[in-house]
Amino acid sequence: MAAADSILIFVLSLLVGTIGILAGARLVLDRDASFVNAAVTALIGAAAWGITSFFVGWIPILGVVLMLVIWVGVINWRYPGGWGSAAAIGFVAWIVAVGILYALAAVGFVTPDALGIPGI
């Protein structure tokens, strides 16, 4: 049962992250952003966050800042517009993910600690 739970959490997290990044890209870039590109960005971003967390996450303040910079860097790499646009996409993605997870937690589908965007 633990494997099934892990798979469900992974899929739900990827979906929430994808929707957040897709919303951010569409709002900030004012153009069509594809679901597939957002999903790949969410997947790469989560992997980069996890790897960075493993190596520097234990360093107070600096570790979290580096993890966030790496995550925004992935968005910057995957979408046009530079670091400012990438940071804005990341911020919108975070807000959207918080809203989705709050709604899912309110109806009892997930616990509030579900992940999809780093730091949620």
PDB file of N, CA and C in Angstrom:
ATOM      1  N   MET A   1       0.813  -1.197   0.000  1.00  0.00           N
ATOM      2  CA  MET A   1       0.000   0.000   0.000  1.00  0.00           C
ATOM      3  C   MET A   1       0.859   1.263   0.000  1.00  0.00           C
ATOM      4  N   ALA A   2       2.051   1.200   0.614  1.00  0.00           N
ATOM      5  CA  ALA A   2       2.925   2.374   0.662  1.00  0.00           C
ATOM      6  C   ALA A   2       3.381   2.777  -0.739  1.00  0.00           C
ATOM      7  N   ALA A   3       3.646   1.795  -1.600  1.00  0.00           N
ATOM      8  CA  ALA A   3       4.060   2.104  -2.967  1.00  0.00           C
ATOM      9  C   ALA A   3       2.942   2.812  -3.721  1.00  0.00           C
ATOM     10  N   ALA A   4       1.722   2.355  -3.555  1.00  0.00           N
ATOM     11  CA  ALA A   4       0.577   2.979  -4.221  1.00  0.00           C
ATOM     12  C   ALA A   4       0.384   4.407  -3.710  1.00  0.00           C
ATOM     13  N   ASP A   5       0.557   4.606  -2.402  1.00  0.00           N
ATOM     14  CA  ASP A   5       0.445   5.950  -1.837  1.00  0.00           C
ATOM     15  C   ASP A   5       1.526   6.870  -2.406  1.00  0.00           C
ATOM     16  N   SER A   6       2.744   6.363  -2.511  1.00  0.00           N
ATOM     17  CA  SER A   6       3.852   7.159  -3.049  1.00  0.00           C
ATOM     18  C   SER A   6       3.604   7.543  -4.501  1.00  0.00           C
ATOM     19  N   ILE A   7       3.086   6.616  -5.274  1.00  0.00           N
ATOM     20  CA  ILE A   7       2.782   6.892  -6.682  1.00  0.00           C
ATOM     21  C   ILE A   7       1.679   7.943  -6.787  1.00  0.00           C
ATOM     22  N   LEU A   8       0.649   7.808  -5.967  1.00  0.00           N
ATOM     23  CA  LEU A   8      -0.444   8.776  -5.974  1.00  0.00           C
ATOM     24  C   LEU A   8       0.057  10.168  -5.583  1.00  0.00           C
ATOM     25  N   ILE A   9       0.901  10.242  -4.557  1.00  0.00           N
ATOM     26  CA  ILE A   9       1.446  11.531  -4.124  1.00  0.00           C
ATOM     27  C   ILE A   9       2.305  12.141  -5.226  1.00  0.00           C
ATOM     28  N   PHE A  10       3.119  11.310  -5.870  1.00  0.00           N
ATOM     29  CA  PHE A  10       3.961  11.800  -6.966  1.00  0.00           C
ATOM     30  C   PHE A  10       3.105  12.364  -8.094  1.00  0.00           C
ATOM     31  N   VAL A  11       2.102  11.619  -8.522  1.00  0.00           N
ATOM     32  CA  VAL A  11       1.246  12.043  -9.631  1.00  0.00           C
ATOM     33  C   VAL A  11       0.479  13.318  -9.264  1.00  0.00           C
ATOM     34  N   LEU A  12      -0.076  13.358  -8.061  1.00  0.00           N
ATOM     35  CA  LEU A  12      -0.814  14.537  -7.625  1.00  0.00           C
ATOM     36  C   LEU A  12       0.117  15.751  -7.528  1.00  0.00           C
ATOM     37  N   SER A  13       1.310  15.549  -6.984  1.00  0.00           N
ATOM     38  CA  SER A  13       2.275  16.641  -6.877  1.00  0.00           C
ATOM     39  C   SER A  13       2.686  17.158  -8.245  1.00  0.00           C
ATOM     40  N   LEU A  14       2.946  16.244  -9.161  1.00  0.00           N
ATOM     41  CA  LEU A  14       3.311  16.646 -10.519  1.00  0.00           C
ATOM     42  C   LEU A  14       2.169  17.404 -11.188  1.00  0.00           C
ATOM     43  N   LEU A  15       0.954  16.947 -11.004  1.00  0.00           N
ATOM     44  CA  LEU A  15      -0.212  17.610 -11.591  1.00  0.00           C
ATOM     45  C   LEU A  15      -0.391  19.016 -11.017  1.00  0.00           C
ATOM     46  N   VAL A  16      -0.292  19.149  -9.697  1.00  0.00           N
ATOM     47  CA  VAL A  16      -0.441  20.463  -9.064  1.00  0.00           C
ATOM     48  C   VAL A  16       0.681  21.405  -9.528  1.00  0.00           C
ATOM     49  N   GLY A  17       1.909  20.896  -9.558  1.00  0.00           N
ATOM     50  CA  GLY A  17       3.029  21.709 -10.030  1.00  0.00           C
ATOM     51  C   GLY A  17       2.869  22.129 -11.472  1.00  0.00           C
ATOM     52  N   THR A  18       2.399  21.198 -12.297  1.00  0.00           N
ATOM     53  CA  THR A  18       2.181  21.490 -13.714  1.00  0.00           C
ATOM     54  C   THR A  18       1.127  22.570 -13.899  1.00  0.00           C
ATOM     55  N   ILE A  19       0.022  22.441 -13.192  1.00  0.00           N
ATOM     56  CA  ILE A  19      -1.052  23.433 -13.308  1.00  0.00           C
ATOM     57  C   ILE A  19      -0.566  24.798 -12.839  1.00  0.00           C
ATOM     58  N   GLY A  20       0.206  24.820 -11.753  1.00  0.00           N
ATOM     59  CA  GLY A  20       0.740  26.085 -11.255  1.00  0.00           C
ATOM     60  C   GLY A  20       1.676  26.748 -12.250  1.00  0.00           C
ATOM     61  N   ILE A  21       2.602  25.980 -12.786  1.00  0.00           N
ATOM     62  CA  ILE A  21       3.551  26.533 -13.761  1.00  0.00           C
ATOM     63  C   ILE A  21       2.838  26.942 -15.040  1.00  0.00           C
ATOM     64  N   LEU A  22       1.878  26.159 -15.478  1.00  0.00           N
ATOM     65  CA  LEU A  22       1.101  26.503 -16.672  1.00  0.00           C
ATOM     66  C   LEU A  22       0.357  27.821 -16.466  1.00  0.00           C
ATOM     67  N   ALA A  23      -0.272  27.983 -15.307  1.00  0.00           N
ATOM     68  CA  ALA A  23      -0.984  29.231 -15.009  1.00  0.00           C
ATOM     69  C   ALA A  23      -0.012  30.403 -14.972  1.00  0.00           C
ATOM     70  N   GLY A  24       1.140  30.205 -14.343  1.00  0.00           N
ATOM     71  CA  GLY A  24       2.138  31.270 -14.279  1.00  0.00           C
ATOM     72  C   GLY A  24       2.653  31.657 -15.645  1.00  0.00           C
ATOM     73  N   ALA A  25       2.952  30.669 -16.473  1.00  0.00           N
ATOM     74  CA  ALA A  25       3.460  30.944 -17.813  1.00  0.00           C
ATOM     75  C   ALA A  25       2.418  31.674 -18.654  1.00  0.00           C
ATOM     76  N   ARG A  26       1.181  31.253 -18.560  1.00  0.00           N
ATOM     77  CA  ARG A  26       0.129  31.910 -19.356  1.00  0.00           C
ATOM     78  C   ARG A  26      -0.125  33.334 -18.870  1.00  0.00           C
ATOM     79  N   LEU A  27      -0.066  33.546 -17.555  1.00  0.00           N
ATOM     80  CA  LEU A  27      -0.319  34.882 -17.015  1.00  0.00           C
ATOM     81  C   LEU A  27       0.855  35.823 -17.288  1.00  0.00           C
ATOM     82  N   VAL A  28       2.055  35.361 -17.041  1.00  0.00           N
ATOM     83  CA  VAL A  28       3.235  36.221 -17.157  1.00  0.00           C
ATOM     84  C   VAL A  28       3.657  36.436 -18.603  1.00  0.00           C
ATOM     85  N   LEU A  29       3.662  35.392 -19.389  1.00  0.00           N
ATOM     86  CA  LEU A  29       4.146  35.491 -20.764  1.00  0.00           C
ATOM     87  C   LEU A  29       3.076  35.928 -21.746  1.00  0.00           C
ATOM     88  N   ASP A  30       1.812  35.891 -21.325  1.00  0.00           N
ATOM     89  CA  ASP A  30       0.704  36.332 -22.170  1.00  0.00           C
ATOM     90  C   ASP A  30       0.695  35.622 -23.521  1.00  0.00           C
ATOM     91  N   ARG A  31       0.917  34.321 -23.477  1.00  0.00           N
ATOM     92  CA  ARG A  31       0.878  33.520 -24.706  1.00  0.00           C
ATOM     93  C   ARG A  31       0.490  32.103 -24.324  1.00  0.00           C
ATOM     94  N   ASP A  32       0.193  31.334 -25.332  1.00  0.00           N
ATOM     95  CA  ASP A  32      -0.131  29.934 -25.073  1.00  0.00           C
ATOM     96  C   ASP A  32       1.095  29.188 -24.556  1.00  0.00           C
ATOM     97  N   ALA A  33       0.923  28.525 -23.453  1.00  0.00           N
ATOM     98  CA  ALA A  33       1.965  27.657 -22.907  1.00  0.00           C
ATOM     99  C   ALA A  33       1.384  26.253 -22.909  1.00  0.00           C
ATOM    100  N   SER A  34       2.180  25.292 -23.293  1.00  0.00           N
ATOM    101  CA  SER A  34       1.640  23.942 -23.401  1.00  0.00           C
ATOM    102  C   SER A  34       1.685  23.210 -22.065  1.00  0.00           C
ATOM    103  N   PHE A  35       0.731  22.324 -21.886  1.00  0.00           N
ATOM    104  CA  PHE A  35       0.656  21.498 -20.687  1.00  0.00           C
ATOM    105  C   PHE A  35       1.886  20.610 -20.585  1.00  0.00           C
ATOM    106  N   VAL A  36       2.330  20.071 -21.711  1.00  0.00           N
ATOM    107  CA  VAL A  36       3.496  19.173 -21.712  1.00  0.00           C
ATOM    108  C   VAL A  36       4.747  19.926 -21.273  1.00  0.00           C
ATOM    109  N   ASN A  37       4.956  21.137 -21.794  1.00  0.00           N
ATOM    110  CA  ASN A  37       6.120  21.928 -21.389  1.00  0.00           C
ATOM    111  C   ASN A  37       6.073  22.242 -19.895  1.00  0.00           C
ATOM    112  N   ALA A  38       4.892  22.574 -19.390  1.00  0.00           N
ATOM    113  CA  ALA A  38       4.744  22.850 -17.960  1.00  0.00           C
ATOM    114  C   ALA A  38       5.026  21.591 -17.131  1.00  0.00           C
ATOM    115  N   ALA A  39       4.575  20.432 -17.607  1.00  0.00           N
ATOM    116  CA  ALA A  39       4.804  19.176 -16.883  1.00  0.00           C
ATOM    117  C   ALA A  39       6.289  18.829 -16.860  1.00  0.00           C
ATOM    118  N   VAL A  40       6.965  19.000 -17.987  1.00  0.00           N
ATOM    119  CA  VAL A  40       8.406  18.721 -18.042  1.00  0.00           C
ATOM    120  C   VAL A  40       9.145  19.696 -17.127  1.00  0.00           C
ATOM    121  N   THR A  41       8.743  20.966 -17.140  1.00  0.00           N
ATOM    122  CA  THR A  41       9.363  21.962 -16.277  1.00  0.00           C
ATOM    123  C   THR A  41       9.138  21.613 -14.806  1.00  0.00           C
ATOM    124  N   ALA A  42       7.926  21.204 -14.451  1.00  0.00           N
ATOM    125  CA  ALA A  42       7.631  20.820 -13.072  1.00  0.00           C
ATOM    126  C   ALA A  42       8.470  19.616 -12.649  1.00  0.00           C
ATOM    127  N   LEU A  43       8.606  18.652 -13.528  1.00  0.00           N
ATOM    128  CA  LEU A  43       9.380  17.448 -13.222  1.00  0.00           C
ATOM    129  C   LEU A  43      10.867  17.767 -13.056  1.00  0.00           C
ATOM    130  N   ILE A  44      11.435  18.507 -13.991  1.00  0.00           N
ATOM    131  CA  ILE A  44      12.846  18.884 -13.902  1.00  0.00           C
ATOM    132  C   ILE A  44      13.079  19.785 -12.690  1.00  0.00           C
ATOM    133  N   GLY A  45      12.170  20.727 -12.479  1.00  0.00           N
ATOM    134  CA  GLY A  45      12.286  21.640 -11.342  1.00  0.00           C
ATOM    135  C   GLY A  45      12.244  20.913 -10.007  1.00  0.00           C
ATOM    136  N   ALA A  46      11.359  19.934  -9.889  1.00  0.00           N
ATOM    137  CA  ALA A  46      11.275  19.162  -8.648  1.00  0.00           C
ATOM    138  C   ALA A  46      12.539  18.336  -8.430  1.00  0.00           C
ATOM    139  N   ALA A  47      13.066  17.765  -9.506  1.00  0.00           N
ATOM    140  CA  ALA A  47      14.304  16.986  -9.401  1.00  0.00           C
ATOM    141  C   ALA A  47      15.471  17.896  -9.005  1.00  0.00           C
ATOM    142  N   ALA A  48      15.567  19.062  -9.639  1.00  0.00           N
ATOM    143  CA  ALA A  48      16.639  20.008  -9.316  1.00  0.00           C
ATOM    144  C   ALA A  48      16.521  20.483  -7.869  1.00  0.00           C
ATOM    145  N   TRP A  49      15.292  20.754  -7.423  1.00  0.00           N
ATOM    146  CA  TRP A  49      15.046  21.167  -6.034  1.00  0.00           C
ATOM    147  C   TRP A  49      15.493  20.058  -5.084  1.00  0.00           C
ATOM    148  N   GLY A  50      15.118  18.834  -5.387  1.00  0.00           N
ATOM    149  CA  GLY A  50      15.469  17.706  -4.526  1.00  0.00           C
ATOM    150  C   GLY A  50      16.970  17.472  -4.445  1.00  0.00           C
ATOM    151  N   ILE A  51      17.634  17.526  -5.580  1.00  0.00           N
ATOM    152  CA  ILE A  51      19.091  17.314  -5.606  1.00  0.00           C
ATOM    153  C   ILE A  51      19.807  18.442  -4.858  1.00  0.00           C
ATOM    154  N   THR A  52      19.389  19.668  -5.112  1.00  0.00           N
ATOM    155  CA  THR A  52      19.997  20.809  -4.429  1.00  0.00           C
ATOM    156  C   THR A  52      19.730  20.725  -2.929  1.00  0.00           C
ATOM    157  N   SER A  53      18.528  20.328  -2.560  1.00  0.00           N
ATOM    158  CA  SER A  53      18.179  20.169  -1.151  1.00  0.00           C
ATOM    159  C   SER A  53      19.072  19.140  -0.474  1.00  0.00           C
ATOM    160  N   PHE A  54      19.353  18.060  -1.175  1.00  0.00           N
ATOM    161  CA  PHE A  54      20.200  16.999  -0.622  1.00  0.00           C
ATOM    162  C   PHE A  54      21.595  17.529  -0.293  1.00  0.00           C
ATOM    163  N   PHE A  55      22.143  18.351  -1.193  1.00  0.00           N
ATOM    164  CA  PHE A  55      23.518  18.811  -1.017  1.00  0.00           C
ATOM    165  C   PHE A  55      23.656  20.063  -0.152  1.00  0.00           C
ATOM    166  N   VAL A  56      22.723  21.004  -0.249  1.00  0.00           N
ATOM    167  CA  VAL A  56      22.872  22.261   0.491  1.00  0.00           C
ATOM    168  C   VAL A  56      21.661  22.639   1.326  1.00  0.00           C
ATOM    169  N   GLY A  57      20.627  21.817   1.320  1.00  0.00           N
ATOM    170  CA  GLY A  57      19.397  22.140   2.042  1.00  0.00           C
ATOM    171  C   GLY A  57      19.578  22.296   3.532  1.00  0.00           C
ATOM    172  N   TRP A  58      20.610  21.708   4.083  1.00  0.00           N
ATOM    173  CA  TRP A  58      20.855  21.766   5.520  1.00  0.00           C
ATOM    174  C   TRP A  58      21.489  23.079   5.956  1.00  0.00           C
ATOM    175  N   ILE A  59      21.980  23.882   5.018  1.00  0.00           N
ATOM    176  CA  ILE A  59      22.621  25.156   5.351  1.00  0.00           C
ATOM    177  C   ILE A  59      21.524  26.184   5.639  1.00  0.00           C
ATOM    178  N   PRO A  60      21.491  26.736   6.847  1.00  0.00           N
ATOM    179  CA  PRO A  60      20.445  27.707   7.182  1.00  0.00           C
ATOM    180  C   PRO A  60      20.417  28.884   6.206  1.00  0.00           C
ATOM    181  N   ILE A  61      19.274  29.272   5.810  1.00  0.00           N
ATOM    182  CA  ILE A  61      18.940  30.367   4.901  1.00  0.00           C
ATOM    183  C   ILE A  61      19.576  30.187   3.519  1.00  0.00           C
ATOM    184  N   LEU A  62      20.884  30.052   3.438  1.00  0.00           N
ATOM    185  CA  LEU A  62      21.567  29.911   2.159  1.00  0.00           C
ATOM    186  C   LEU A  62      21.081  28.691   1.382  1.00  0.00           C
ATOM    187  N   GLY A  63      20.853  27.578   2.071  1.00  0.00           N
ATOM    188  CA  GLY A  63      20.386  26.363   1.406  1.00  0.00           C
ATOM    189  C   GLY A  63      19.046  26.566   0.721  1.00  0.00           C
ATOM    190  N   VAL A  64      18.120  27.181   1.437  1.00  0.00           N
ATOM    191  CA  VAL A  64      16.787  27.419   0.873  1.00  0.00           C
ATOM    192  C   VAL A  64      16.861  28.412  -0.275  1.00  0.00           C
ATOM    193  N   VAL A  65      17.676  29.447  -0.127  1.00  0.00           N
ATOM    194  CA  VAL A  65      17.823  30.440  -1.192  1.00  0.00           C
ATOM    195  C   VAL A  65      18.415  29.784  -2.442  1.00  0.00           C
ATOM    196  N   LEU A  66      19.444  28.957  -2.271  1.00  0.00           N
ATOM    197  CA  LEU A  66      20.036  28.261  -3.416  1.00  0.00           C
ATOM    198  C   LEU A  66      19.030  27.322  -4.087  1.00  0.00           C
ATOM    199  N   MET A  67      18.239  26.612  -3.293  1.00  0.00           N
ATOM    200  CA  MET A  67      17.234  25.713  -3.866  1.00  0.00           C
ATOM    201  C   MET A  67      16.221  26.507  -4.689  1.00  0.00           C
ATOM    202  N   LEU A  68      15.799  27.652  -4.166  1.00  0.00           N
ATOM    203  CA  LEU A  68      14.836  28.489  -4.886  1.00  0.00           C
ATOM    204  C   LEU A  68      15.442  29.049  -6.167  1.00  0.00           C
ATOM    205  N   VAL A  69      16.689  29.490  -6.108  1.00  0.00           N
ATOM    206  CA  VAL A  69      17.359  30.026  -7.299  1.00  0.00           C
ATOM    207  C   VAL A  69      17.490  28.942  -8.368  1.00  0.00           C
ATOM    208  N   ILE A  70      17.837  27.732  -7.962  1.00  0.00           N
ATOM    209  CA  ILE A  70      17.951  26.624  -8.924  1.00  0.00           C
ATOM    210  C   ILE A  70      16.591  26.338  -9.555  1.00  0.00           C
ATOM    211  N   TRP A  71      15.526  26.318  -8.745  1.00  0.00           N
ATOM    212  CA  TRP A  71      14.178  26.047  -9.264  1.00  0.00           C
ATOM    213  C   TRP A  71      13.751  27.132 -10.251  1.00  0.00           C
ATOM    214  N   VAL A  72      13.968  28.396  -9.893  1.00  0.00           N
ATOM    215  CA  VAL A  72      13.639  29.494 -10.808  1.00  0.00           C
ATOM    216  C   VAL A  72      14.532  29.418 -12.048  1.00  0.00           C
ATOM    217  N   GLY A  73      15.765  28.975 -11.879  1.00  0.00           N
ATOM    218  CA  GLY A  73      16.668  28.797 -13.019  1.00  0.00           C
ATOM    219  C   GLY A  73      16.143  27.782 -14.017  1.00  0.00           C
ATOM    220  N   VAL A  74      15.522  26.724 -13.517  1.00  0.00           N
ATOM    221  CA  VAL A  74      14.913  25.736 -14.417  1.00  0.00           C
ATOM    222  C   VAL A  74      13.777  26.383 -15.207  1.00  0.00           C
ATOM    223  N   ILE A  75      12.955  27.170 -14.528  1.00  0.00           N
ATOM    224  CA  ILE A  75      11.867  27.870 -15.225  1.00  0.00           C
ATOM    225  C   ILE A  75      12.462  28.832 -16.259  1.00  0.00           C
ATOM    226  N   ASN A  76      13.523  29.543 -15.890  1.00  0.00           N
ATOM    227  CA  ASN A  76      14.189  30.473 -16.809  1.00  0.00           C
ATOM    228  C   ASN A  76      14.725  29.740 -18.033  1.00  0.00           C
ATOM    229  N   TRP A  77      15.256  28.557 -17.839  1.00  0.00           N
ATOM    230  CA  TRP A  77      15.799  27.746 -18.929  1.00  0.00           C
ATOM    231  C   TRP A  77      14.691  27.260 -19.860  1.00  0.00           C
ATOM    232  N   ARG A  78      13.520  26.915 -19.296  1.00  0.00           N
ATOM    233  CA  ARG A  78      12.448  26.312 -20.080  1.00  0.00           C
ATOM    234  C   ARG A  78      11.528  27.341 -20.751  1.00  0.00           C
ATOM    235  N   TYR A  79      11.494  28.576 -20.255  1.00  0.00           N
ATOM    236  CA  TYR A  79      10.582  29.589 -20.792  1.00  0.00           C
ATOM    237  C   TYR A  79      11.353  30.847 -21.182  1.00  0.00           C
ATOM    238  N   PRO A  80      10.868  31.580 -22.184  1.00  0.00           N
ATOM    239  CA  PRO A  80      11.525  32.828 -22.575  1.00  0.00           C
ATOM    240  C   PRO A  80      11.224  33.943 -21.575  1.00  0.00           C
ATOM    241  N   GLY A  81      12.015  34.998 -21.626  1.00  0.00           N
ATOM    242  CA  GLY A  81      11.679  36.172 -20.831  1.00  0.00           C
ATOM    243  C   GLY A  81      12.685  36.550 -19.767  1.00  0.00           C
ATOM    244  N   GLY A  82      13.635  35.713 -19.454  1.00  0.00           N
ATOM    245  CA  GLY A  82      14.655  36.072 -18.476  1.00  0.00           C
ATOM    246  C   GLY A  82      14.279  35.732 -17.043  1.00  0.00           C
ATOM    247  N   TRP A  83      15.164  36.153 -16.145  1.00  0.00           N
ATOM    248  CA  TRP A  83      15.033  35.803 -14.726  1.00  0.00           C
ATOM    249  C   TRP A  83      13.805  36.447 -14.081  1.00  0.00           C
ATOM    250  N   GLY A  84      13.481  37.680 -14.473  1.00  0.00           N
ATOM    251  CA  GLY A  84      12.306  38.349 -13.900  1.00  0.00           C
ATOM    252  C   GLY A  84      11.024  37.606 -14.228  1.00  0.00           C
ATOM    253  N   SER A  85      10.896  37.221 -15.491  1.00  0.00           N
ATOM    254  CA  SER A  85       9.713  36.455 -15.900  1.00  0.00           C
ATOM    255  C   SER A  85       9.677  35.098 -15.213  1.00  0.00           C
ATOM    256  N   ALA A  86      10.829  34.460 -15.099  1.00  0.00           N
ATOM    257  CA  ALA A  86      10.885  33.156 -14.444  1.00  0.00           C
ATOM    258  C   ALA A  86      10.481  33.257 -12.976  1.00  0.00           C
ATOM    259  N   ALA A  87      10.951  34.293 -12.290  1.00  0.00           N
ATOM    260  CA  ALA A  87      10.573  34.496 -10.890  1.00  0.00           C
ATOM    261  C   ALA A  87       9.072  34.758 -10.767  1.00  0.00           C
ATOM    262  N   ALA A  88       8.532  35.536 -11.693  1.00  0.00           N
ATOM    263  CA  ALA A  88       7.092  35.815 -11.672  1.00  0.00           C
ATOM    264  C   ALA A  88       6.283  34.543 -11.951  1.00  0.00           C
ATOM    265  N   ILE A  89       6.734  33.741 -12.908  1.00  0.00           N
ATOM    266  CA  ILE A  89       6.058  32.465 -13.184  1.00  0.00           C
ATOM    267  C   ILE A  89       6.098  31.583 -11.942  1.00  0.00           C
ATOM    268  N   GLY A  90       7.254  31.510 -11.300  1.00  0.00           N
ATOM    269  CA  GLY A  90       7.386  30.718 -10.082  1.00  0.00           C
ATOM    270  C   GLY A  90       6.479  31.206  -8.968  1.00  0.00           C
ATOM    271  N   PHE A  91       6.369  32.526  -8.807  1.00  0.00           N
ATOM    272  CA  PHE A  91       5.500  33.075  -7.771  1.00  0.00           C
ATOM    273  C   PHE A  91       4.042  32.743  -8.047  1.00  0.00           C
ATOM    274  N   VAL A  92       3.610  32.939  -9.282  1.00  0.00           N
ATOM    275  CA  VAL A  92       2.225  32.600  -9.647  1.00  0.00           C
ATOM    276  C   VAL A  92       1.991  31.100  -9.454  1.00  0.00           C
ATOM    277  N   ALA A  93       2.958  30.287  -9.857  1.00  0.00           N
ATOM    278  CA  ALA A  93       2.837  28.835  -9.692  1.00  0.00           C
ATOM    279  C   ALA A  93       2.666  28.468  -8.229  1.00  0.00           C
ATOM    280  N   TRP A  94       3.423  29.117  -7.364  1.00  0.00           N
ATOM    281  CA  TRP A  94       3.330  28.854  -5.927  1.00  0.00           C
ATOM    282  C   TRP A  94       1.944  29.227  -5.393  1.00  0.00           C
ATOM    283  N   ILE A  95       1.441  30.403  -5.779  1.00  0.00           N
ATOM    284  CA  ILE A  95       0.112  30.855  -5.331  1.00  0.00           C
ATOM    285  C   ILE A  95      -0.976  29.893  -5.816  1.00  0.00           C
ATOM    286  N   VAL A  96      -0.912  29.500  -7.083  1.00  0.00           N
ATOM    287  CA  VAL A  96      -1.907  28.577  -7.645  1.00  0.00           C
ATOM    288  C   VAL A  96      -1.849  27.229  -6.925  1.00  0.00           C
ATOM    289  N   ALA A  97      -0.646  26.723  -6.694  1.00  0.00           N
ATOM    290  CA  ALA A  97      -0.492  25.432  -6.015  1.00  0.00           C
ATOM    291  C   ALA A  97      -1.035  25.491  -4.592  1.00  0.00           C
ATOM    292  N   VAL A  98      -0.778  26.583  -3.892  1.00  0.00           N
ATOM    293  CA  VAL A  98      -1.321  26.741  -2.534  1.00  0.00           C
ATOM    294  C   VAL A  98      -2.846  26.716  -2.585  1.00  0.00           C
ATOM    295  N   GLY A  99      -3.425  27.413  -3.556  1.00  0.00           N
ATOM    296  CA  GLY A  99      -4.885  27.429  -3.694  1.00  0.00           C
ATOM    297  C   GLY A  99      -5.459  26.054  -3.986  1.00  0.00           C
ATOM    298  N   ILE A 100      -4.825  25.337  -4.901  1.00  0.00           N
ATOM    299  CA  ILE A 100      -5.293  23.988  -5.250  1.00  0.00           C
ATOM    300  C   ILE A 100      -5.194  23.060  -4.047  1.00  0.00           C
ATOM    301  N   LEU A 101      -4.050  23.085  -3.374  1.00  0.00           N
ATOM    302  CA  LEU A 101      -3.861  22.194  -2.226  1.00  0.00           C
ATOM    303  C   LEU A 101      -4.777  22.565  -1.068  1.00  0.00           C
ATOM    304  N   TYR A 102      -5.037  23.865  -0.882  1.00  0.00           N
ATOM    305  CA  TYR A 102      -5.978  24.284   0.147  1.00  0.00           C
ATOM    306  C   TYR A 102      -7.373  23.742  -0.153  1.00  0.00           C
ATOM    307  N   ALA A 103      -7.792  23.865  -1.405  1.00  0.00           N
ATOM    308  CA  ALA A 103      -9.112  23.363  -1.802  1.00  0.00           C
ATOM    309  C   ALA A 103      -9.196  21.846  -1.623  1.00  0.00           C
ATOM    310  N   LEU A 104      -8.151  21.124  -2.037  1.00  0.00           N
ATOM    311  CA  LEU A 104      -8.148  19.665  -1.881  1.00  0.00           C
ATOM    312  C   LEU A 104      -8.125  19.253  -0.414  1.00  0.00           C
ATOM    313  N   ALA A 105      -7.408  20.011   0.411  1.00  0.00           N
ATOM    314  CA  ALA A 105      -7.370  19.711   1.842  1.00  0.00           C
ATOM    315  C   ALA A 105      -8.710  20.029   2.506  1.00  0.00           C
ATOM    316  N   ALA A 106      -9.365  21.080   2.028  1.00  0.00           N
ATOM    317  CA  ALA A 106     -10.649  21.477   2.606  1.00  0.00           C
ATOM    318  C   ALA A 106     -11.725  20.420   2.391  1.00  0.00           C
ATOM    319  N   VAL A 107     -11.640  19.699   1.282  1.00  0.00           N
ATOM    320  CA  VAL A 107     -12.625  18.636   1.029  1.00  0.00           C
ATOM    321  C   VAL A 107     -12.125  17.278   1.517  1.00  0.00           C
ATOM    322  N   GLY A 108     -10.935  17.264   2.138  1.00  0.00           N
ATOM    323  CA  GLY A 108     -10.412  16.035   2.727  1.00  0.00           C
ATOM    324  C   GLY A 108      -9.734  15.079   1.769  1.00  0.00           C
ATOM    325  N   PHE A 109      -9.374  15.557   0.567  1.00  0.00           N
ATOM    326  CA  PHE A 109      -8.740  14.683  -0.415  1.00  0.00           C
ATOM    327  C   PHE A 109      -7.260  14.489  -0.136  1.00  0.00           C
ATOM    328  N   VAL A 110      -6.599  15.538   0.342  1.00  0.00           N
ATOM    329  CA  VAL A 110      -5.174  15.465   0.679  1.00  0.00           C
ATOM    330  C   VAL A 110      -4.946  16.129   2.024  1.00  0.00           C
ATOM    331  N   THR A 111      -3.762  15.892   2.584  1.00  0.00           N
ATOM    332  CA  THR A 111      -3.360  16.633   3.777  1.00  0.00           C
ATOM    333  C   THR A 111      -2.673  17.915   3.313  1.00  0.00           C
ATOM    334  N   PRO A 112      -2.665  18.928   4.141  1.00  0.00           N
ATOM    335  CA  PRO A 112      -2.088  20.214   3.718  1.00  0.00           C
ATOM    336  C   PRO A 112      -0.598  20.161   3.387  1.00  0.00           C
ATOM    337  N   ASP A 113       0.095  19.099   3.740  1.00  0.00           N
ATOM    338  CA  ASP A 113       1.533  19.025   3.470  1.00  0.00           C
ATOM    339  C   ASP A 113       1.860  18.414   2.104  1.00  0.00           C
ATOM    340  N   ALA A 114       0.871  18.229   1.244  1.00  0.00           N
ATOM    341  CA  ALA A 114       1.130  17.701  -0.097  1.00  0.00           C
ATOM    342  C   ALA A 114       2.035  18.659  -0.853  1.00  0.00           C
ATOM    343  N   LEU A 115       2.882  18.112  -1.701  1.00  0.00           N
ATOM    344  CA  LEU A 115       3.850  18.924  -2.422  1.00  0.00           C
ATOM    345  C   LEU A 115       3.561  18.952  -3.910  1.00  0.00           C
ATOM    346  N   GLY A 116       4.081  19.931  -4.608  1.00  0.00           N
ATOM    347  CA  GLY A 116       3.934  20.075  -6.050  1.00  0.00           C
ATOM    348  C   GLY A 116       4.786  21.215  -6.520  1.00  0.00           C
ATOM    349  N   ILE A 117       4.829  22.232  -5.703  1.00  0.00           N
ATOM    350  CA  ILE A 117       5.717  23.361  -5.916  1.00  0.00           C
ATOM    351  C   ILE A 117       6.603  23.405  -4.672  1.00  0.00           C
ATOM    352  N   PRO A 118       7.872  23.575  -4.807  1.00  0.00           N
ATOM    353  CA  PRO A 118       8.751  23.579  -3.650  1.00  0.00           C
ATOM    354  C   PRO A 118       8.318  24.547  -2.569  1.00  0.00           C
ATOM    355  N   GLY A 119       8.415  24.096  -1.358  1.00  0.00           N
ATOM    356  CA  GLY A 119       8.124  24.939  -0.225  1.00  0.00           C
ATOM    357  C   GLY A 119       6.687  24.925   0.244  1.00  0.00           C
ATOM    358  N   ILE A 120       5.844  24.126  -0.387  1.00  0.00           N
ATOM    359  CA  ILE A 120       4.439  24.068   0.037  1.00  0.00           C
ATOM    360  C   ILE A 120       4.269  22.903   0.978  1.00  0.00           C
TER     361      ILE A 120
END
